[in-house]
C-alpha atoms as a PDB file:
ATOM      1  CA  MET A   1       0.000   0.000   0.000  1.00  0.00           C
ATOM      2  CA  ASN A   2       1.368   3.425  -0.846  1.00  0.00           C
ATOM      3  CA  ILE A   3       1.835   6.310   1.598  1.00  0.00           C
ATOM      4  CA  GLN A   4      -1.136   8.261   0.227  1.00  0.00           C
ATOM      5  CA  THR A   5      -3.482   5.314   0.773  1.00  0.00           C
ATOM      6  CA  GLU A   6      -2.123   4.788   4.288  1.00  0.00           C
ATOM      7  CA  LYS A   7      -2.680   8.479   5.097  1.00  0.00           C
ATOM      8  CA  LEU A   8      -6.251   8.264   3.749  1.00  0.00           C
ATOM      9  CA  ILE A   9      -6.916   5.200   5.926  1.00  0.00           C
ATOM     10  CA  ASP A  10      -5.565   7.062   8.970  1.00  0.00           C
ATOM     11  CA  GLN A  11      -7.821  10.050   8.258  1.00  0.00           C
ATOM     12  CA  ILE A  12     -10.883   7.846   7.747  1.00  0.00           C
ATOM     13  CA  GLN A  13     -10.165   6.012  10.993  1.00  0.00           C
ATOM     14  CA  ALA A  14      -9.792   9.346  12.827  1.00  0.00           C
ATOM     15  CA  GLY A  15     -13.099  10.559  11.398  1.00  0.00           C
ATOM     16  CA  LEU A  16     -14.870   7.408  12.550  1.00  0.00           C
ATOM     17  CA  GLN A  17     -13.329   7.605  16.013  1.00  0.00           C
ATOM     18  CA  GLU A  18     -14.160  11.314  16.308  1.00  0.00           C
ATOM     19  CA  LYS A  19     -17.883  10.454  16.160  1.00  0.00           C
ATOM     20  CA  LYS A  20     -17.596   7.351  18.354  1.00  0.00           C
ATOM     21  CA  GLY A  21     -17.891   4.739  15.625  1.00  0.00           C
ATOM     22  CA  HIS A  22     -17.314   1.270  17.007  1.00  0.00           C
ATOM     23  CA  GLU A  23     -16.098  -2.113  15.798  1.00  0.00           C
ATOM     24  CA  ILE A  24     -13.797  -0.445  13.274  1.00  0.00           C
ATOM     25  CA  SER A  25     -12.010  -2.987  11.081  1.00  0.00           C
ATOM     26  CA  ILE A  26      -9.497  -2.438   8.301  1.00  0.00           C
ATOM     27  CA  VAL A  27      -9.489  -5.224   5.718  1.00  0.00           C
ATOM     28  CA  ASP A  28      -6.237  -5.076   3.735  1.00  0.00           C
ATOM     29  CA  PHE A  29      -6.450  -6.457   0.197  1.00  0.00           C
ATOM     30  CA  SER A  30      -3.093  -5.130  -1.004  1.00  0.00           C
ATOM     31  CA  ASP A  31      -1.615  -8.642  -1.341  1.00  0.00           C
ATOM     32  CA  ILE A  32      -4.675 -10.045  -3.135  1.00  0.00           C
ATOM     33  CA  GLU A  33      -4.403 -10.075  -6.901  1.00  0.00           C
ATOM     34  CA  ASP A  34      -7.380  -8.566  -8.775  1.00  0.00           C
ATOM     35  CA  ALA A  35      -8.935  -7.044  -5.634  1.00  0.00           C
ATOM     36  CA  ILE A  36     -11.277  -4.134  -6.396  1.00  0.00           C
ATOM     37  CA  CYS A  37      -9.411  -1.847  -3.975  1.00  0.00           C
ATOM     38  CA  HIS A  38      -6.543  -1.841  -1.481  1.00  0.00           C
ATOM     39  CA  ALA A  39      -8.717  -1.784   1.640  1.00  0.00           C
ATOM     40  CA  PHE A  40     -12.178  -1.844   3.129  1.00  0.00           C
ATOM     41  CA  ILE A  41     -12.794   0.070   6.319  1.00  0.00           C
ATOM     42  CA  LEU A  42     -15.843  -1.115   8.226  1.00  0.00           C
ATOM     43  CA  CYS A  43     -17.567   0.566  11.133  1.00  0.00           C
ATOM     44  CA  THR A  44     -20.795   0.183  13.094  1.00  0.00           C
ATOM     45  CA  GLY A  45     -23.098   3.014  14.113  1.00  0.00           C
ATOM     46  CA  ASN A  46     -25.880   2.942  16.703  1.00  0.00           C
ATOM     47  CA  SER A  47     -28.707   4.470  14.655  1.00  0.00           C
ATOM     48  CA  PRO A  48     -29.357   5.880  11.175  1.00  0.00           C
ATOM     49  CA  SER A  49     -28.535   9.386  12.428  1.00  0.00           C
ATOM     50  CA  HIS A  50     -25.277   8.102  13.949  1.00  0.00           C
ATOM     51  CA  VAL A  51     -24.383   6.407  10.650  1.00  0.00           C
ATOM     52  CA  GLN A  52     -25.008   9.746   8.896  1.00  0.00           C
ATOM     53  CA  SER A  53     -22.773  11.629  11.336  1.00  0.00           C
ATOM     54  CA  LEU A  54     -20.010   9.023  10.860  1.00  0.00           C
ATOM     55  CA  VAL A  55     -20.219   9.470   7.076  1.00  0.00           C
ATOM     56  CA  ASP A  56     -20.083  13.261   7.428  1.00  0.00           C
ATOM     57  CA  SER A  57     -17.065  13.008   9.727  1.00  0.00           C
ATOM     58  CA  VAL A  58     -15.199  10.685   7.336  1.00  0.00           C
ATOM     59  CA  GLU A  59     -15.845  13.119   4.467  1.00  0.00           C
ATOM     60  CA  GLU A  60     -14.510  16.035   6.511  1.00  0.00           C
ATOM     61  CA  PHE A  61     -11.407  14.259   7.842  1.00  0.00           C
ATOM     62  CA  ALA A  62     -10.479  12.803   4.426  1.00  0.00           C
ATOM     63  CA  ARG A  63     -10.948  16.159   2.688  1.00  0.00           C
ATOM     64  CA  LYS A  64      -9.082  18.235   5.286  1.00  0.00           C
ATOM     65  CA  GLY A  65      -6.417  15.627   6.074  1.00  0.00           C
ATOM     66  CA  CYS A  66      -5.424  14.591   2.561  1.00  0.00           C
ATOM     67  CA  GLY A  67      -7.630  16.375   0.037  1.00  0.00           C
ATOM     68  CA  ALA A  68      -9.593  13.221  -0.779  1.00  0.00           C
ATOM     69  CA  ARG A  69     -13.244  13.219  -1.791  1.00  0.00           C
ATOM     70  CA  PRO A  70     -15.383  10.137  -2.370  1.00  0.00           C
ATOM     71  CA  THR A  71     -16.260   9.391  -5.982  1.00  0.00           C
ATOM     72  CA  ALA A  72     -19.578   7.943  -4.796  1.00  0.00           C
ATOM     73  CA  ILE A  73     -21.624   7.530  -1.634  1.00  0.00           C
ATOM     74  CA  ASP A  74     -24.498   5.066  -1.614  1.00  0.00           C
ATOM     75  CA  GLY A  75     -27.048   4.130   1.037  1.00  0.00           C
ATOM     76  CA  LEU A  76     -27.720   7.491   2.665  1.00  0.00           C
ATOM     77  CA  ARG A  77     -31.474   7.251   2.120  1.00  0.00           C
ATOM     78  CA  ASN A  78     -32.054   4.666   4.851  1.00  0.00           C
ATOM     79  CA  ALA A  79     -28.565   4.833   6.451  1.00  0.00           C
ATOM     80  CA  GLN A  80     -28.478   1.126   7.343  1.00  0.00           C
ATOM     81  CA  TRP A  81     -25.390   0.503   5.210  1.00  0.00           C
ATOM     82  CA  VAL A  82     -23.568   3.412   3.621  1.00  0.00           C
ATOM     83  CA  ALA A  83     -20.679   2.760   1.231  1.00  0.00           C
ATOM     84  CA  MET A  84     -18.171   5.509   0.425  1.00  0.00           C
ATOM     85  CA  ASP A  85     -15.861   4.949  -2.547  1.00  0.00           C
ATOM     86  CA  TYR A  86     -12.442   6.594  -2.303  1.00  0.00           C
ATOM     87  CA  GLY A  87     -10.966   4.513  -5.140  1.00  0.00           C
ATOM     88  CA  ASP A  88      -8.227   2.588  -3.323  1.00  0.00           C
ATOM     89  CA  VAL A  89     -10.300   2.535  -0.119  1.00  0.00           C
ATOM     90  CA  ILE A  90     -13.984   1.759   0.325  1.00  0.00           C
ATOM     91  CA  VAL A  91     -15.631   2.701   3.615  1.00  0.00           C
ATOM     92  CA  HIS A  92     -18.669   0.773   4.867  1.00  0.00           C
ATOM     93  CA  VAL A  93     -20.678   2.222   7.753  1.00  0.00           C
ATOM     94  CA  PHE A  94     -23.373  -0.138   9.024  1.00  0.00           C
ATOM     95  CA  LEU A  95     -26.069  -0.544  11.589  1.00  0.00           C
ATOM     96  CA  SER A  96     -25.166  -3.660  13.572  1.00  0.00           C
ATOM     97  CA  GLU A  97     -27.912  -5.884  12.077  1.00  0.00           C
ATOM     98  CA  ALA A  98     -26.784  -5.140   8.503  1.00  0.00           C
ATOM     99  CA  ARG A  99     -23.129  -5.644   9.387  1.00  0.00           C
ATOM    100  CA  GLU A 100     -23.819  -9.035  10.953  1.00  0.00           C
ATOM    101  CA  PHE A 101     -25.946 -10.100   7.988  1.00  0.00           C
ATOM    102  CA  TYR A 102     -23.418  -9.200   5.258  1.00  0.00           C
ATOM    103  CA  ASP A 103     -20.281 -10.117   7.276  1.00  0.00           C
ATOM    104  CA  LEU A 104     -17.976  -8.439   4.733  1.00  0.00           C
ATOM    105  CA  GLU A 105     -14.782  -8.866   6.711  1.00  0.00           C
ATOM    106  CA  HIS A 106     -14.958 -12.632   6.397  1.00  0.00           C
ATOM    107  CA  LEU A 107     -15.590 -12.918   2.647  1.00  0.00           C
ATOM    108  CA  TRP A 108     -11.857 -12.980   1.889  1.00  0.00           C
ATOM    109  CA  ALA A 109      -9.996 -15.603   3.903  1.00  0.00           C
ATOM    110  CA  ASP A 110      -6.614 -14.335   2.711  1.00  0.00           C
ATOM    111  CA  ALA A 111      -7.158 -10.652   3.587  1.00  0.00           C
ATOM    112  CA  ILE A 112      -5.383  -9.147   6.573  1.00  0.00           C
ATOM    113  CA  ILE A 113      -7.923  -7.809   9.075  1.00  0.00           C
ATOM    114  CA  THR A 114      -6.955  -5.232  11.684  1.00  0.00           C
ATOM    115  CA  GLU A 115      -9.451  -4.615  14.472  1.00  0.00           C
ATOM    116  CA  ILE A 116      -9.288  -1.093  15.929  1.00  0.00           C
ATOM    117  CA  PRO A 117     -10.169  -0.946  19.650  1.00  0.00           C
ATOM    118  CA  ASN A 118     -13.198   1.179  20.572  1.00  0.00           C
ATOM    119  CA  LEU A 119     -12.256   4.453  22.250  1.00  0.00           C
ATOM    120  CA  ASP A 120     -15.044   4.361  24.830  1.00  0.00           C
END
């Protein structure tokens, strides 16, 4: 993974932690050939409004910290699962039921998963 991608991941993580996102996981695909991106960042919010505030915080931290803007954001209407596409990094912010159902972090057995401890 290049330095720019690592800096973006750090900024996204900071944005999620700023708004008390929990169960943050970084799924590293950089050693997987033909992966759609270098990393997924997953996070759980407590309610649709919390998911929205997490998304807003990620946008702000990524823009201010490294000038990055998402090329697409999908799922804001019901805010149960919002995906933010930053090219090399895709952010997924879930409500817990949706996260458990889709279980994205375990779809790739050969990916490296880093669990970020909750701050609270």
